[in-house]
């Protein structure tokens, strides 16, 4: 939604922009693709960390990724905002 500037028409501040159903599905599909690649290449995610900005949409995207990849270390940092 942010990249399409749709948030302008609904008057949401950038940090509160939510994920559309299409974006949720895209995040799920990309995560499944990554999971297959990680598994087929025997990559250990045990020391992995996901860094996200504290925007609602990035946290929700991280939750979708973690449902599939299971990365337990997530760190937020305000310097990662767009």
Protein backbone atom coordinates (compact mmCIF):
# COMPACT_ATOMS: atom_id res chain seq x y z
CA UNK A 1 0.00 0.00 0.00
CA UNK A 2 2.79 2.44 0.82
CA UNK A 3 4.61 1.94 -2.44
CA UNK A 4 1.40 2.56 -4.37
CA UNK A 5 0.72 5.76 -2.42
CA UNK A 6 -2.78 4.47 -1.56
CA UNK A 7 -2.23 5.61 2.01
CA UNK A 8 -2.51 9.21 0.81
CA UNK A 9 -6.14 8.75 -0.18
CA UNK A 10 -7.12 7.17 3.15
CA UNK A 11 -5.08 9.69 5.14
CA UNK A 12 -2.97 7.20 7.11
CA UNK A 13 0.42 8.25 8.43
CA UNK A 14 3.20 6.18 6.94
CA UNK A 15 4.01 4.30 10.14
CA UNK A 16 0.41 3.03 10.38
CA UNK A 17 0.00 1.80 6.81
CA UNK A 18 -1.34 -1.73 6.86
CA UNK A 19 -0.74 -4.69 4.57
CA UNK A 20 -3.23 -5.46 1.84
CA UNK A 21 -4.35 -9.05 1.31
CA UNK A 22 -2.30 -9.13 -1.91
CA UNK A 23 0.88 -8.11 -0.08
CA UNK A 24 0.23 -10.67 2.68
CA UNK A 25 -0.06 -13.39 0.06
CA UNK A 26 3.10 -12.19 -1.71
CA UNK A 27 5.02 -12.23 1.58
CA UNK A 28 3.80 -15.77 2.25
CA UNK A 29 4.79 -16.98 -1.24
CA UNK A 30 8.25 -15.41 -1.05
CA UNK A 31 8.77 -16.91 2.42
CA UNK A 32 7.80 -20.36 1.15
CA UNK A 33 10.22 -19.98 -1.76
CA UNK A 34 13.00 -18.96 0.64
CA UNK A 35 12.18 -21.90 2.92
CA UNK A 36 12.57 -24.31 0.01
CA UNK A 37 15.89 -22.76 -0.97
CA UNK A 38 17.14 -22.76 2.63
CA UNK A 39 16.15 -26.40 3.06
CA UNK A 40 17.60 -27.58 -0.25
CA UNK A 41 20.90 -25.82 0.48
CA UNK A 42 21.03 -27.06 4.07
CA UNK A 43 21.27 -23.54 5.50
CA UNK A 44 21.03 -23.24 9.28
CA UNK A 45 18.97 -20.24 10.39
CA UNK A 46 19.86 -20.77 14.05
CA UNK A 47 21.92 -17.57 14.28
CA UNK A 48 19.75 -15.50 11.96
CA UNK A 49 18.28 -12.16 12.97
CA UNK A 50 15.55 -10.23 11.18
CA UNK A 51 16.00 -6.48 11.47
CA UNK A 52 12.87 -4.40 10.91
CA UNK A 53 11.75 -0.83 11.34
CA UNK A 54 8.94 -0.36 13.87
CA UNK A 55 6.28 0.37 11.24
CA UNK A 56 3.12 -1.72 11.47
CA UNK A 57 3.52 -3.15 7.97
CA UNK A 58 7.09 -4.32 8.50
CA UNK A 59 6.24 -5.99 11.80
CA UNK A 60 3.28 -7.78 10.21
CA UNK A 61 5.44 -8.85 7.26
CA UNK A 62 8.00 -10.19 9.72
CA UNK A 63 5.28 -12.22 11.42
CA UNK A 64 4.32 -13.78 8.08
CA UNK A 65 7.96 -14.62 7.37
CA UNK A 66 8.44 -16.12 10.80
CA UNK A 67 5.35 -18.30 10.48
CA UNK A 68 7.20 -20.03 7.65
CA UNK A 69 10.91 -19.61 8.39
CA UNK A 70 10.81 -19.67 12.18
CA UNK A 71 13.48 -17.04 12.78
CA UNK A 72 13.11 -16.26 16.46
CA UNK A 73 15.47 -13.30 16.76
CA UNK A 74 13.77 -10.12 15.60
CA UNK A 75 15.16 -6.67 16.30
CA UNK A 76 13.54 -3.34 15.61
CA UNK A 77 15.50 -0.23 14.79
CA UNK A 78 14.07 3.17 13.91
CA UNK A 79 16.99 3.92 11.58
CA UNK A 80 15.60 1.36 9.15
CA UNK A 81 12.58 3.48 8.21
CA UNK A 82 12.22 4.35 4.54
